[in-house]
Each structure stands twice: as structure tokens, then as C-alpha cells.
Full PDB file with SEQRES, HELIX, SHEET, SSBOND, CRYST1, ORIGX, SCALE, CONECT and MASTER records, all heavy atoms in Angstrom:
SEQRES   1 A   38  THR GLY THR ALA PRO SER GLU PRO GLY ARG LYS ALA GLY          
SEQRES   2 A   38  THR ALA VAL ALA ILE TRP LEU ASP ASP ARG GLY ARG LEU          
SEQRES   3 A   38  THR LYS GLN PRO LEU GLY SER VAL ASP GLY ALA VAL              
HELIX    1 AA1 SER A   33  ALA A   37  1                                   5    
CRYST1    1.000    1.000    1.000  90.00  90.00  90.00 P 1           1          
ORIGX1      1.000000  0.000000  0.000000        0.00000                         
ORIGX2      0.000000  1.000000  0.000000        0.00000                         
ORIGX3      0.000000  0.000000  1.000000        0.00000                         
SCALE1      1.000000  0.000000  0.000000        0.00000                         
SCALE2      0.000000  1.000000  0.000000        0.00000                         
SCALE3      0.000000  0.000000  1.000000        0.00000                         
ATOM      1  N   THR A   1      -8.407   8.796  -0.419  1.00  0.00           N  
ATOM      2  CA  THR A   1      -8.750   9.454  -1.688  1.00  0.00           C  
ATOM      3  C   THR A   1      -7.653  10.448  -2.085  1.00  0.00           C  
ATOM      4  O   THR A   1      -6.868  10.838  -1.228  1.00  0.00           O  
ATOM      5  CB  THR A   1     -10.079  10.214  -1.565  1.00  0.00           C  
ATOM      6  OG1 THR A   1      -9.936  11.225  -0.564  1.00  0.00           O  
ATOM      7  CG2 THR A   1     -11.281   9.309  -1.263  1.00  0.00           C  
ATOM      8  N   GLY A   2      -7.636  10.741  -3.380  1.00  0.00           N  
ATOM      9  CA  GLY A   2      -6.668  11.682  -3.921  1.00  0.00           C  
ATOM     10  C   GLY A   2      -6.927  11.867  -5.395  1.00  0.00           C  
ATOM     11  O   GLY A   2      -7.955  11.439  -5.909  1.00  0.00           O  
ATOM     12  N   THR A   3      -6.022  12.529  -6.072  1.00  0.00           N  
ATOM     13  CA  THR A   3      -6.133  12.677  -7.520  1.00  0.00           C  
ATOM     14  C   THR A   3      -4.986  11.976  -8.202  1.00  0.00           C  
ATOM     15  O   THR A   3      -3.855  12.006  -7.701  1.00  0.00           O  
ATOM     16  CB  THR A   3      -6.138  14.191  -7.959  1.00  0.00           C  
ATOM     17  OG1 THR A   3      -4.962  14.791  -7.487  1.00  0.00           O  
ATOM     18  CG2 THR A   3      -7.361  14.902  -7.387  1.00  0.00           C  
ATOM     19  N   ALA A   4      -5.308  11.326  -9.294  1.00  0.00           N  
ATOM     20  CA  ALA A   4      -4.299  10.572 -10.060  1.00  0.00           C  
ATOM     21  C   ALA A   4      -4.551  10.797 -11.534  1.00  0.00           C  
ATOM     22  O   ALA A   4      -5.664  11.083 -11.956  1.00  0.00           O  
ATOM     23  CB  ALA A   4      -4.381   9.097  -9.676  1.00  0.00           C  
ATOM     24  N   PRO A   5      -3.526  10.580 -12.376  1.00  0.00           N  
ATOM     25  CA  PRO A   5      -3.728  10.656 -13.821  1.00  0.00           C  
ATOM     26  C   PRO A   5      -4.510   9.472 -14.360  1.00  0.00           C  
ATOM     27  O   PRO A   5      -4.371   8.370 -13.899  1.00  0.00           O  
ATOM     28  CB  PRO A   5      -2.306  10.707 -14.369  1.00  0.00           C  
ATOM     29  CG  PRO A   5      -1.458  10.099 -13.322  1.00  0.00           C  
ATOM     30  CD  PRO A   5      -2.128  10.338 -12.023  1.00  0.00           C  
ATOM     31  N   SER A   6      -5.337   9.793 -15.364  1.00  0.00           N  
ATOM     32  CA  SER A   6      -6.161   8.766 -16.002  1.00  0.00           C  
ATOM     33  C   SER A   6      -6.320   9.160 -17.491  1.00  0.00           C  
ATOM     34  O   SER A   6      -6.192  10.327 -17.842  1.00  0.00           O  
ATOM     35  CB  SER A   6      -7.510   8.645 -15.340  1.00  0.00           C  
ATOM     36  OG  SER A   6      -8.368   7.783 -16.065  1.00  0.00           O  
ATOM     37  N   GLU A   7      -6.666   8.174 -18.277  1.00  0.00           N  
ATOM     38  CA  GLU A   7      -6.968   8.417 -19.674  1.00  0.00           C  
ATOM     39  C   GLU A   7      -8.292   9.228 -19.787  1.00  0.00           C  
ATOM     40  O   GLU A   7      -9.197   8.981 -18.960  1.00  0.00           O  
ATOM     41  CB  GLU A   7      -7.108   7.170 -20.464  1.00  0.00           C  
ATOM     42  CG  GLU A   7      -5.746   6.465 -20.755  1.00  0.00           C  
ATOM     43  CD  GLU A   7      -5.278   5.660 -19.579  1.00  0.00           C  
ATOM     44  OE1 GLU A   7      -6.060   5.350 -18.655  1.00  0.00           O  
ATOM     45  OE2 GLU A   7      -4.096   5.413 -19.531  1.00  0.00           O  
ATOM     46  N   PRO A   8      -8.390  10.152 -20.653  1.00  0.00           N  
ATOM     47  CA  PRO A   8      -9.616  10.941 -20.794  1.00  0.00           C  
ATOM     48  C   PRO A   8     -10.811  10.044 -21.120  1.00  0.00           C  
ATOM     49  O   PRO A   8     -10.664   9.015 -21.803  1.00  0.00           O  
ATOM     50  CB  PRO A   8      -9.348  11.881 -21.944  1.00  0.00           C  
ATOM     51  CG  PRO A   8      -7.853  11.914 -22.106  1.00  0.00           C  
ATOM     52  CD  PRO A   8      -7.376  10.629 -21.591  1.00  0.00           C  
ATOM     53  N   GLY A   9     -11.999  10.414 -20.657  1.00  0.00           N  
ATOM     54  CA  GLY A   9     -13.220   9.712 -21.023  1.00  0.00           C  
ATOM     55  C   GLY A   9     -13.574   8.496 -20.203  1.00  0.00           C  
ATOM     56  O   GLY A   9     -14.635   7.899 -20.379  1.00  0.00           O  
ATOM     57  N   ARG A  10     -12.770   8.126 -19.218  1.00  0.00           N  
ATOM     58  CA  ARG A  10     -13.085   6.943 -18.369  1.00  0.00           C  
ATOM     59  C   ARG A  10     -14.247   7.307 -17.430  1.00  0.00           C  
ATOM     60  O   ARG A  10     -14.343   8.436 -16.976  1.00  0.00           O  
ATOM     61  CB  ARG A  10     -11.897   6.531 -17.579  1.00  0.00           C  
ATOM     62  CG  ARG A  10     -10.807   5.917 -18.461  1.00  0.00           C  
ATOM     63  CD  ARG A  10     -10.049   4.950 -17.691  1.00  0.00           C  
ATOM     64  NE  ARG A  10      -9.283   4.080 -18.550  1.00  0.00           N  
ATOM     65  CZ  ARG A  10      -8.408   3.204 -18.092  1.00  0.00           C  
ATOM     66  NH1 ARG A  10      -8.223   3.156 -16.773  1.00  0.00           N  
ATOM     67  NH2 ARG A  10      -7.799   2.408 -18.917  1.00  0.00           N  
ATOM     68  N   LYS A  11     -15.047   6.348 -17.126  1.00  0.00           N  
ATOM     69  CA  LYS A  11     -16.224   6.544 -16.297  1.00  0.00           C  
ATOM     70  C   LYS A  11     -15.925   6.238 -14.829  1.00  0.00           C  
ATOM     71  O   LYS A  11     -14.993   5.487 -14.533  1.00  0.00           O  
ATOM     72  CB  LYS A  11     -17.413   5.620 -16.778  1.00  0.00           C  
ATOM     73  CG  LYS A  11     -17.803   5.848 -18.184  1.00  0.00           C  
ATOM     74  CD  LYS A  11     -18.392   7.199 -18.344  1.00  0.00           C  
ATOM     75  CE  LYS A  11     -18.786   7.465 -19.788  1.00  0.00           C  
ATOM     76  NZ  LYS A  11     -18.969   8.833 -20.107  1.00  0.00           N  
ATOM     77  N   ALA A  12     -16.738   6.793 -13.947  1.00  0.00           N  
ATOM     78  CA  ALA A  12     -16.589   6.554 -12.509  1.00  0.00           C  
ATOM     79  C   ALA A  12     -16.725   5.083 -12.244  1.00  0.00           C  
ATOM     80  O   ALA A  12     -17.541   4.399 -12.873  1.00  0.00           O  
ATOM     81  CB  ALA A  12     -17.651   7.348 -11.740  1.00  0.00           C  
ATOM     82  N   GLY A  13     -15.886   4.575 -11.347  1.00  0.00           N  
ATOM     83  CA  GLY A  13     -15.909   3.135 -11.007  1.00  0.00           C  
ATOM     84  C   GLY A  13     -14.877   2.335 -11.785  1.00  0.00           C  
ATOM     85  O   GLY A  13     -14.642   1.177 -11.475  1.00  0.00           O  
ATOM     86  N   THR A  14     -14.243   2.959 -12.767  1.00  0.00           N  
ATOM     87  CA  THR A  14     -13.203   2.258 -13.549  1.00  0.00           C  
ATOM     88  C   THR A  14     -11.917   2.154 -12.719  1.00  0.00           C  
ATOM     89  O   THR A  14     -11.545   3.098 -12.015  1.00  0.00           O  
ATOM     90  CB  THR A  14     -12.889   3.044 -14.847  1.00  0.00           C  
ATOM     91  OG1 THR A  14     -14.104   3.238 -15.575  1.00  0.00           O  
ATOM     92  CG2 THR A  14     -11.903   2.305 -15.704  1.00  0.00           C  
ATOM     93  N   ALA A  15     -11.293   0.992 -12.788  1.00  0.00           N  
ATOM     94  CA  ALA A  15     -10.052   0.820 -12.040  1.00  0.00           C  
ATOM     95  C   ALA A  15      -8.883   1.474 -12.843  1.00  0.00           C  
ATOM     96  O   ALA A  15      -8.853   1.375 -14.066  1.00  0.00           O  
ATOM     97  CB  ALA A  15      -9.757  -0.668 -11.880  1.00  0.00           C  
ATOM     98  N   VAL A  16      -7.985   2.128 -12.115  1.00  0.00           N  
ATOM     99  CA  VAL A  16      -6.781   2.754 -12.698  1.00  0.00           C  
ATOM    100  C   VAL A  16      -5.587   2.362 -11.812  1.00  0.00           C  
ATOM    101  O   VAL A  16      -5.706   2.133 -10.637  1.00  0.00           O  
ATOM    102  CB  VAL A  16      -6.938   4.284 -12.805  1.00  0.00           C  
ATOM    103  CG1 VAL A  16      -7.961   4.647 -13.811  1.00  0.00           C  
ATOM    104  CG2 VAL A  16      -7.142   4.922 -11.481  1.00  0.00           C  
ATOM    105  N   ALA A  17      -4.432   2.318 -12.483  1.00  0.00           N  
ATOM    106  CA  ALA A  17      -3.177   2.036 -11.734  1.00  0.00           C  
ATOM    107  C   ALA A  17      -2.671   3.326 -11.119  1.00  0.00           C  
ATOM    108  O   ALA A  17      -2.682   4.369 -11.770  1.00  0.00           O  
ATOM    109  CB  ALA A  17      -2.134   1.454 -12.697  1.00  0.00           C  
ATOM    110  N   ILE A  18      -2.263   3.262  -9.859  1.00  0.00           N  
ATOM    111  CA  ILE A  18      -1.675   4.373  -9.147  1.00  0.00           C  
ATOM    112  C   ILE A  18      -0.357   3.955  -8.540  1.00  0.00           C  
ATOM    113  O   ILE A  18      -0.077   2.740  -8.458  1.00  0.00           O  
ATOM    114  CB  ILE A  18      -2.611   4.946  -8.057  1.00  0.00           C  
ATOM    115  CG1 ILE A  18      -2.938   3.877  -7.003  1.00  0.00           C  
ATOM    116  CG2 ILE A  18      -3.874   5.527  -8.675  1.00  0.00           C  
ATOM    117  CD1 ILE A  18      -3.668   4.406  -5.789  1.00  0.00           C  
ATOM    118  N   TRP A  19       0.401   4.899  -8.123  1.00  0.00           N  
ATOM    119  CA  TRP A  19       1.726   4.635  -7.478  1.00  0.00           C  
ATOM    120  C   TRP A  19       1.658   5.254  -6.078  1.00  0.00           C  
ATOM    121  O   TRP A  19       1.262   6.383  -5.875  1.00  0.00           O  
ATOM    122  CB  TRP A  19       2.884   5.179  -8.266  1.00  0.00           C  
ATOM    123  CG  TRP A  19       3.120   4.314  -9.494  1.00  0.00           C  
ATOM    124  CD1 TRP A  19       2.539   4.495 -10.720  1.00  0.00           C  
ATOM    125  CD2 TRP A  19       3.968   3.216  -9.586  1.00  0.00           C  
ATOM    126  NE1 TRP A  19       2.981   3.542 -11.584  1.00  0.00           N  
ATOM    127  CE2 TRP A  19       3.888   2.731 -10.895  1.00  0.00           C  
ATOM    128  CE3 TRP A  19       4.795   2.570  -8.675  1.00  0.00           C  
ATOM    129  CZ2 TRP A  19       4.608   1.612 -11.364  1.00  0.00           C  
ATOM    130  CZ3 TRP A  19       5.547   1.486  -9.113  1.00  0.00           C  
ATOM    131  CH2 TRP A  19       5.455   1.026 -10.413  1.00  0.00           C  
ATOM    132  N   LEU A  20       2.101   4.455  -5.099  1.00  0.00           N  
ATOM    133  CA  LEU A  20       2.118   4.913  -3.718  1.00  0.00           C  
ATOM    134  C   LEU A  20       3.556   4.877  -3.203  1.00  0.00           C  
ATOM    135  O   LEU A  20       4.342   3.986  -3.561  1.00  0.00           O  
ATOM    136  CB  LEU A  20       1.294   4.010  -2.856  1.00  0.00           C  
ATOM    137  CG  LEU A  20      -0.216   3.912  -3.266  1.00  0.00           C  
ATOM    138  CD1 LEU A  20      -0.946   2.856  -2.459  1.00  0.00           C  
ATOM    139  CD2 LEU A  20      -0.917   5.250  -3.176  1.00  0.00           C  
ATOM    140  N   ASP A  21       3.881   5.811  -2.299  1.00  0.00           N  
ATOM    141  CA  ASP A  21       5.199   5.743  -1.662  1.00  0.00           C  
ATOM    142  C   ASP A  21       5.182   4.841  -0.461  1.00  0.00           C  
ATOM    143  O   ASP A  21       4.160   4.181  -0.198  1.00  0.00           O  
ATOM    144  CB  ASP A  21       5.701   7.150  -1.310  1.00  0.00           C  
ATOM    145  CG  ASP A  21       4.863   7.857  -0.255  1.00  0.00           C  
ATOM    146  OD1 ASP A  21       4.008   7.196   0.368  1.00  0.00           O  
ATOM    147  OD2 ASP A  21       5.046   9.076  -0.069  1.00  0.00           O  
ATOM    148  N   ASP A  22       6.272   4.735   0.272  1.00  0.00           N  
ATOM    149  CA  ASP A  22       6.356   3.831   1.371  1.00  0.00           C  
ATOM    150  C   ASP A  22       5.430   4.216   2.553  1.00  0.00           C  
ATOM    151  O   ASP A  22       5.157   3.418   3.445  1.00  0.00           O  
ATOM    152  CB  ASP A  22       7.815   3.662   1.910  1.00  0.00           C  
ATOM    153  CG  ASP A  22       8.406   5.011   2.289  1.00  0.00           C  
ATOM    154  OD1 ASP A  22       7.818   6.042   1.964  1.00  0.00           O  
ATOM    155  OD2 ASP A  22       9.492   4.997   2.887  1.00  0.00           O  
ATOM    156  N   ARG A  23       4.818   5.449   2.522  1.00  0.00           N  
ATOM    157  CA  ARG A  23       3.904   5.843   3.554  1.00  0.00           C  
ATOM    158  C   ARG A  23       2.462   5.747   3.090  1.00  0.00           C  
ATOM    159  O   ARG A  23       1.559   6.161   3.763  1.00  0.00           O  
ATOM    160  CB  ARG A  23       4.198   7.287   3.959  1.00  0.00           C  
ATOM    161  CG  ARG A  23       5.565   7.441   4.626  1.00  0.00           C  
ATOM    162  CD  ARG A  23       5.767   8.896   5.044  1.00  0.00           C  
ATOM    163  NE  ARG A  23       7.120   9.017   5.596  1.00  0.00           N  
ATOM    164  CZ  ARG A  23       7.813  10.120   5.544  1.00  0.00           C  
ATOM    165  NH1 ARG A  23       7.276  11.228   4.990  1.00  0.00           N  
ATOM    166  NH2 ARG A  23       9.008  10.189   6.036  1.00  0.00           N  
ATOM    167  N   GLY A  24       2.247   5.236   1.904  1.00  0.00           N  
ATOM    168  CA  GLY A  24       0.937   5.071   1.376  1.00  0.00           C  
ATOM    169  C   GLY A  24       0.339   6.276   0.674  1.00  0.00           C  
ATOM    170  O   GLY A  24      -0.881   6.356   0.382  1.00  0.00           O  
ATOM    171  N   ARG A  25       1.170   7.318   0.397  1.00  0.00           N  
ATOM    172  CA  ARG A  25       0.700   8.532  -0.231  1.00  0.00           C  
ATOM    173  C   ARG A  25       0.836   8.403  -1.751  1.00  0.00           C  
ATOM    174  O   ARG A  25       1.769   7.726  -2.220  1.00  0.00           O  
ATOM    175  CB  ARG A  25       1.474   9.743   0.235  1.00  0.00           C  
ATOM    176  CG  ARG A  25       1.339  10.016   1.721  1.00  0.00           C  
ATOM    177  CD  ARG A  25       2.195  11.165   2.146  1.00  0.00           C  
ATOM    178  NE  ARG A  25       3.595  10.793   1.890  1.00  0.00           N  
ATOM    179  CZ  ARG A  25       4.606  11.475   2.331  1.00  0.00           C  
ATOM    180  NH1 ARG A  25       4.435  12.537   3.080  1.00  0.00           N  
ATOM    181  NH2 ARG A  25       5.857  11.071   2.088  1.00  0.00           N  
ATOM    182  N   LEU A  26      -0.031   9.054  -2.486  1.00  0.00           N  
ATOM    183  CA  LEU A  26       0.036   9.074  -3.952  1.00  0.00           C  
ATOM    184  C   LEU A  26       1.335   9.715  -4.372  1.00  0.00           C  
ATOM    185  O   LEU A  26       1.736  10.726  -3.823  1.00  0.00           O  
ATOM    186  CB  LEU A  26      -1.157   9.862  -4.555  1.00  0.00           C  
ATOM    187  CG  LEU A  26      -2.462   9.051  -4.695  1.00  0.00           C  
ATOM    188  CD1 LEU A  26      -3.527  10.029  -5.167  1.00  0.00           C  
ATOM    189  CD2 LEU A  26      -2.310   7.948  -5.697  1.00  0.00           C  
ATOM    190  N   THR A  27       1.953   9.180  -5.396  1.00  0.00           N  
ATOM    191  CA  THR A  27       3.167   9.735  -5.939  1.00  0.00           C  
ATOM    192  C   THR A  27       3.290   9.376  -7.417  1.00  0.00           C  
ATOM    193  O   THR A  27       2.389   8.681  -7.935  1.00  0.00           O  
ATOM    194  CB  THR A  27       4.399   9.198  -5.154  1.00  0.00           C  
ATOM    195  OG1 THR A  27       5.565   9.901  -5.557  1.00  0.00           O  
ATOM    196  CG2 THR A  27       4.605   7.726  -5.365  1.00  0.00           C  
ATOM    197  N   LYS A  28       4.288   9.860  -8.045  1.00  0.00           N  
ATOM    198  CA  LYS A  28       4.494   9.518  -9.467  1.00  0.00           C  
ATOM    199  C   LYS A  28       5.196   8.196  -9.584  1.00  0.00           C  
ATOM    200  O   LYS A  28       5.864   7.695  -8.689  1.00  0.00           O  
ATOM    201  CB  LYS A  28       5.370  10.606 -10.123  1.00  0.00           C  
ATOM    202  CG  LYS A  28       4.673  11.934 -10.248  1.00  0.00           C  
ATOM    203  CD  LYS A  28       5.540  12.903 -11.032  1.00  0.00           C  
ATOM    204  CE  LYS A  28       4.795  14.193 -11.280  1.00  0.00           C  
ATOM    205  NZ  LYS A  28       5.535  15.098 -12.129  1.00  0.00           N  
ATOM    206  N   GLN A  29       5.036   7.658 -10.819  1.00  0.00           N  
ATOM    207  CA  GLN A  29       5.700   6.351 -11.090  1.00  0.00           C  
ATOM    208  C   GLN A  29       7.199   6.580 -11.069  1.00  0.00           C  
ATOM    209  O   GLN A  29       7.716   7.605 -11.510  1.00  0.00           O  
ATOM    210  CB  GLN A  29       5.245   5.913 -12.485  1.00  0.00           C  
ATOM    211  CG  GLN A  29       5.880   4.623 -12.949  1.00  0.00           C  
ATOM    212  CD  GLN A  29       5.358   4.183 -14.292  1.00  0.00           C  
ATOM    213  OE1 GLN A  29       4.503   4.840 -14.866  1.00  0.00           O  
ATOM    214  NE2 GLN A  29       5.893   3.099 -14.785  1.00  0.00           N  
ATOM    215  N   PRO A  30       7.957   5.636 -10.485  1.00  0.00           N  
ATOM    216  CA  PRO A  30       9.444   5.786 -10.492  1.00  0.00           C  
ATOM    217  C   PRO A  30       9.984   5.745 -11.902  1.00  0.00           C  
ATOM    218  O   PRO A  30       9.365   5.209 -12.837  1.00  0.00           O  
ATOM    219  CB  PRO A  30       9.920   4.589  -9.691  1.00  0.00           C  
ATOM    220  CG  PRO A  30       8.839   3.563  -9.742  1.00  0.00           C  
ATOM    221  CD  PRO A  30       7.503   4.345  -9.893  1.00  0.00           C  
ATOM    222  N   LEU A  31      11.131   6.324 -12.076  1.00  0.00           N  
ATOM    223  CA  LEU A  31      11.758   6.349 -13.406  1.00  0.00           C  
ATOM    224  C   LEU A  31      12.090   4.972 -13.909  1.00  0.00           C  
ATOM    225  O   LEU A  31      12.575   4.149 -13.100  1.00  0.00           O  
ATOM    226  CB  LEU A  31      13.049   7.193 -13.357  1.00  0.00           C  
ATOM    227  CG  LEU A  31      12.820   8.691 -13.030  1.00  0.00           C  
ATOM    228  CD1 LEU A  31      14.211   9.375 -12.885  1.00  0.00           C  
ATOM    229  CD2 LEU A  31      12.053   9.389 -14.098  1.00  0.00           C  
ATOM    230  N   GLY A  32      11.874   4.713 -15.151  1.00  0.00           N  
ATOM    231  CA  GLY A  32      12.280   3.427 -15.761  1.00  0.00           C  
ATOM    232  C   GLY A  32      13.756   3.369 -15.964  1.00  0.00           C  
ATOM    233  O   GLY A  32      14.494   4.318 -15.645  1.00  0.00           O  
ATOM    234  N   SER A  33      14.257   2.277 -16.467  1.00  0.00           N  
ATOM    235  CA  SER A  33      15.686   2.132 -16.649  1.00  0.00           C  
ATOM    236  C   SER A  33      16.300   3.112 -17.608  1.00  0.00           C  
ATOM    237  O   SER A  33      17.377   3.692 -17.305  1.00  0.00           O  
ATOM    238  CB  SER A  33      16.032   0.712 -17.089  1.00  0.00           C  
ATOM    239  OG  SER A  33      15.387   0.416 -18.280  1.00  0.00           O  
ATOM    240  N   VAL A  34      15.610   3.408 -18.702  1.00  0.00           N  
ATOM    241  CA  VAL A  34      16.183   4.376 -19.668  1.00  0.00           C  
ATOM    242  C   VAL A  34      16.121   5.783 -19.102  1.00  0.00           C  
ATOM    243  O   VAL A  34      17.077   6.536 -19.151  1.00  0.00           O  
ATOM    244  CB  VAL A  34      15.432   4.276 -21.003  1.00  0.00           C  
ATOM    245  CG1 VAL A  34      15.836   5.371 -21.970  1.00  0.00           C  
ATOM    246  CG2 VAL A  34      15.629   2.916 -21.666  1.00  0.00           C  
ATOM    247  N   ASP A  35      14.951   6.169 -18.582  1.00  0.00           N  
ATOM    248  CA  ASP A  35      14.836   7.521 -17.989  1.00  0.00           C  
ATOM    249  C   ASP A  35      15.762   7.682 -16.811  1.00  0.00           C  
ATOM    250  O   ASP A  35      16.346   8.772 -16.615  1.00  0.00           O  
ATOM    251  CB  ASP A  35      13.381   7.751 -17.517  1.00  0.00           C  
ATOM    252  CG  ASP A  35      12.410   7.891 -18.706  1.00  0.00           C  
ATOM    253  OD1 ASP A  35      12.896   8.221 -19.821  1.00  0.00           O  
ATOM    254  OD2 ASP A  35      11.203   7.685 -18.471  1.00  0.00           O  
ATOM    255  N   GLY A  36      15.923   6.648 -16.002  1.00  0.00           N  
ATOM    256  CA  GLY A  36      16.869   6.724 -14.891  1.00  0.00           C  
ATOM    257  C   GLY A  36      18.319   6.916 -15.361  1.00  0.00           C  
ATOM    258  O   GLY A  36      19.013   7.699 -14.779  1.00  0.00           O  
ATOM    259  N   ALA A  37      18.702   6.179 -16.378  1.00  0.00           N  
ATOM    260  CA  ALA A  37      20.038   6.312 -16.888  1.00  0.00           C  
ATOM    261  C   ALA A  37      20.276   7.717 -17.469  1.00  0.00           C  
ATOM    262  O   ALA A  37      21.348   8.288 -17.272  1.00  0.00           O  
ATOM    263  CB  ALA A  37      20.311   5.258 -17.958  1.00  0.00           C  
ATOM    264  N   VAL A  38      19.278   8.213 -18.169  1.00  0.00           N  
ATOM    265  CA  VAL A  38      19.419   9.550 -18.733  1.00  0.00           C  
ATOM    266  C   VAL A  38      19.532  10.597 -17.602  1.00  0.00           C  
ATOM    267  O   VAL A  38      20.374  11.512 -17.681  1.00  0.00           O  
ATOM    268  CB  VAL A  38      18.222   9.914 -19.678  1.00  0.00           C  
ATOM    269  CG1 VAL A  38      18.196  11.355 -20.038  1.00  0.00           C  
ATOM    270  CG2 VAL A  38      18.310   9.028 -20.928  1.00  0.00           C  
TER     271      VAL A  38                                                      
MASTER        0    0    0    1    0    0    0    6  270    1    0    3          
END                                                                             
């Protein structure tokens, strides 16, 4: 379990996309190609 960002108003039981690091811990989404280049 942990906390992750979600759209407001979603109900319990709704599936959401999360990002995990190589150890299985919650983390932020990696930078995209444009954000990475910037």
C-alpha cells in the first residue's frame, strides 16, 4: 500500500496507473522525451 496521484472524485476500488522503481516502491513517472531533453 501507499499513496499515489489520482483524478479527483474517483471511487474506492477504481484502478489507477502507478509507477514503481526497480525495488517495487512507489515513485514518480519518469521524464518523457521532451521533459528529459529540457
